[in-house]
Amino acid sequence: MTYSVNKTDAEWRAELGDDQYAVLRQAATERAWTGELLDEKRSGLYQCGACGAELFKSGTKFDSGCGWPSFYESVRPDAVELVEDRSLGMERTEVRCANCGSHLGHVFPDGFGTPTGDRYCMNSLALNFTPDAQ
């Protein structure tokens, strides 16, 4: 896929901290229950931690009990890219930012009780949060 934001590996490394770089550009996963955005409850917008693209609205966030921020849908269907992931001996669907290709997390069809039935399980390190103006 061609992305609107294209940077060299050196540029990404210079812009992102080590932990963010590992998650966003190398598809690492932060440890469960450690992310700063897990318990975020304010109204606002979640953006890509690499390029700032809008990804999720706070109204779609829910407590899935999995240890990572969970959403039942993206802000727009074309805001994220879904990619088959067969790493680690599992069959999963990776979620990437459609604007820059950065790894955000995975989506699972186990968002029981949500309008879509999906659980976008995202890394806090892959997201920025901007609260709504009060």
Protein backbone atom coordinates (compact mmCIF):
# COMPACT_ATOMS: atom_id res chain seq x y z
CA MET A 1 0.00 0.00 0.00
CA THR A 2 1.16 3.55 -0.68
CA TYR A 3 0.99 5.87 2.31
CA SER A 4 0.56 9.66 2.42
CA VAL A 5 3.38 9.92 4.96
CA ASN A 6 6.63 8.28 3.88
CA LYS A 7 9.79 8.59 5.95
CA THR A 8 13.05 6.73 6.11
CA ASP A 9 13.81 4.43 9.00
CA ALA A 10 16.34 7.00 10.26
CA GLU A 11 13.69 9.73 10.22
CA TRP A 12 11.23 7.59 12.19
CA ARG A 13 13.96 6.69 14.71
CA ALA A 14 14.82 10.37 15.19
CA GLU A 15 11.17 11.36 15.73
CA LEU A 16 9.96 8.51 17.95
CA GLY A 17 11.28 7.34 21.29
CA ASP A 18 12.70 3.82 21.50
CA ASP A 19 9.51 2.28 22.88
CA GLN A 20 7.23 4.06 20.40
CA TYR A 21 9.54 3.13 17.53
CA ALA A 22 9.46 -0.55 18.56
CA VAL A 23 5.64 -0.59 18.59
CA LEU A 24 4.83 1.70 15.66
CA ARG A 25 7.57 0.71 13.22
CA GLN A 26 8.57 -2.82 14.33
CA ALA A 27 5.13 -4.14 15.39
CA ALA A 28 6.13 -4.77 19.01
CA THR A 29 3.46 -4.94 21.71
CA GLU A 30 3.55 -3.07 24.99
CA ARG A 31 2.91 -5.13 28.10
CA ALA A 32 -0.72 -5.50 29.12
CA TRP A 33 -2.07 -3.12 31.81
CA THR A 34 0.88 -0.69 31.40
CA GLY A 35 -0.38 1.77 28.76
CA GLU A 36 -1.12 5.37 29.73
CA LEU A 37 -4.33 5.44 27.69
CA LEU A 38 -5.86 2.24 29.07
CA ASP A 39 -7.90 4.06 31.71
CA GLU A 40 -8.47 7.29 29.75
CA LYS A 41 -12.14 8.18 30.13
CA ARG A 42 -12.35 11.76 28.85
CA SER A 43 -14.16 12.63 25.65
CA GLY A 44 -11.80 13.23 22.76
CA LEU A 45 -9.96 11.88 19.76
CA TYR A 46 -7.22 9.27 19.44
CA GLN A 47 -4.61 9.86 16.75
CA CYS A 48 -1.68 7.92 15.32
CA GLY A 49 1.37 8.37 17.53
CA ALA A 50 3.60 8.56 14.47
CA CYS A 51 1.79 10.88 12.04
CA GLY A 52 -1.17 12.36 13.94
CA ALA A 53 -3.89 10.92 11.70
CA GLU A 54 -7.33 10.63 13.34
CA LEU A 55 -8.07 7.00 14.23
CA PHE A 56 -10.68 6.53 16.98
CA LYS A 57 -13.30 8.58 18.82
CA SER A 58 -13.58 8.22 22.57
CA GLY A 59 -17.23 7.20 22.25
CA THR A 60 -16.16 3.93 20.62
CA LYS A 61 -13.73 3.01 23.44
CA PHE A 62 -14.82 0.29 25.84
CA ASP A 63 -13.38 -1.76 28.69
CA SER A 64 -12.74 -5.16 27.18
CA GLY A 65 -10.70 -6.39 30.15
CA CYS A 66 -7.77 -7.31 27.89
CA GLY A 67 -5.22 -4.83 29.27
CA TRP A 68 -4.99 -2.56 26.22
CA PRO A 69 -7.22 0.30 25.04
CA SER A 70 -10.08 -1.19 23.03
CA PHE A 71 -12.41 0.37 20.48
CA TYR A 72 -15.27 -1.13 18.49
CA GLU A 73 -14.68 0.87 15.29
CA SER A 74 -12.29 3.37 13.72
CA VAL A 75 -13.23 6.98 13.06
CA ARG A 76 -13.66 6.05 9.35
CA PRO A 77 -13.28 2.70 7.60
CA ASP A 78 -10.39 4.09 5.55
CA ALA A 79 -8.53 5.46 8.62
CA VAL A 80 -6.95 2.07 9.29
CA GLU A 81 -5.49 -0.68 7.15
CA LEU A 82 -6.21 -4.29 8.07
CA VAL A 83 -3.47 -6.80 7.26
CA GLU A 84 -3.41 -10.58 7.72
CA ASP A 85 -0.88 -11.49 10.42
CA ARG A 86 0.29 -15.10 10.78
CA SER A 87 3.20 -14.36 13.12
CA LEU A 88 3.68 -16.14 16.43
CA GLY A 89 1.86 -19.22 15.10
CA MET A 90 -1.51 -17.44 15.19
CA GLU A 91 -3.93 -16.11 12.63
CA ARG A 92 -4.75 -12.48 13.49
CA THR A 93 -5.60 -9.21 11.77
CA GLU A 94 -3.05 -6.45 12.25
CA VAL A 95 -4.28 -2.85 12.36
CA ARG A 96 -2.06 -0.18 10.77
CA CYS A 97 -2.49 3.54 10.32
CA ALA A 98 -3.67 4.01 6.72
CA ASN A 99 -1.84 7.34 6.56
CA CYS A 100 1.69 6.17 7.46
CA GLY A 101 1.59 2.37 7.77
CA SER A 102 2.50 2.31 11.45
CA HIS A 103 1.51 -0.71 13.54
CA LEU A 104 -1.28 0.08 16.03
CA GLY A 105 -2.37 -3.34 17.30
CA HIS A 106 -4.82 -6.03 16.21
CA VAL A 107 -8.56 -6.36 15.69
CA PHE A 108 -10.51 -9.36 16.95
CA PRO A 109 -14.14 -10.44 16.36
CA ASP A 110 -14.82 -10.74 20.09
CA GLY A 111 -16.16 -7.30 21.00
CA PHE A 112 -19.23 -8.85 22.54
CA GLY A 113 -21.99 -6.37 23.33
CA THR A 114 -20.59 -3.67 21.03
CA PRO A 115 -22.45 -2.38 17.95
CA THR A 116 -19.89 -3.96 15.58
CA GLY A 117 -18.78 -7.05 17.50
CA ASP A 118 -15.16 -5.98 16.91
CA ARG A 119 -12.41 -5.26 19.43
CA TYR A 120 -9.64 -3.05 18.11
CA CYS A 121 -6.95 -3.85 20.68
CA MET A 122 -4.50 -0.94 20.43
CA ASN A 123 -1.16 -0.15 22.01
CA SER A 124 -1.21 3.08 24.06
CA LEU A 125 2.27 3.81 22.70
CA ALA A 126 0.82 3.83 19.19
CA LEU A 127 -1.74 6.53 20.02
CA ASN A 128 -1.95 10.15 21.06
CA PHE A 129 -5.07 11.48 22.77
CA THR A 130 -6.55 14.96 22.42
CA PRO A 131 -9.41 15.71 24.82
CA ASP A 132 -12.40 17.68 23.57
CA ALA A 133 -12.37 21.38 24.45
CA GLN A 134 -14.46 22.01 27.53
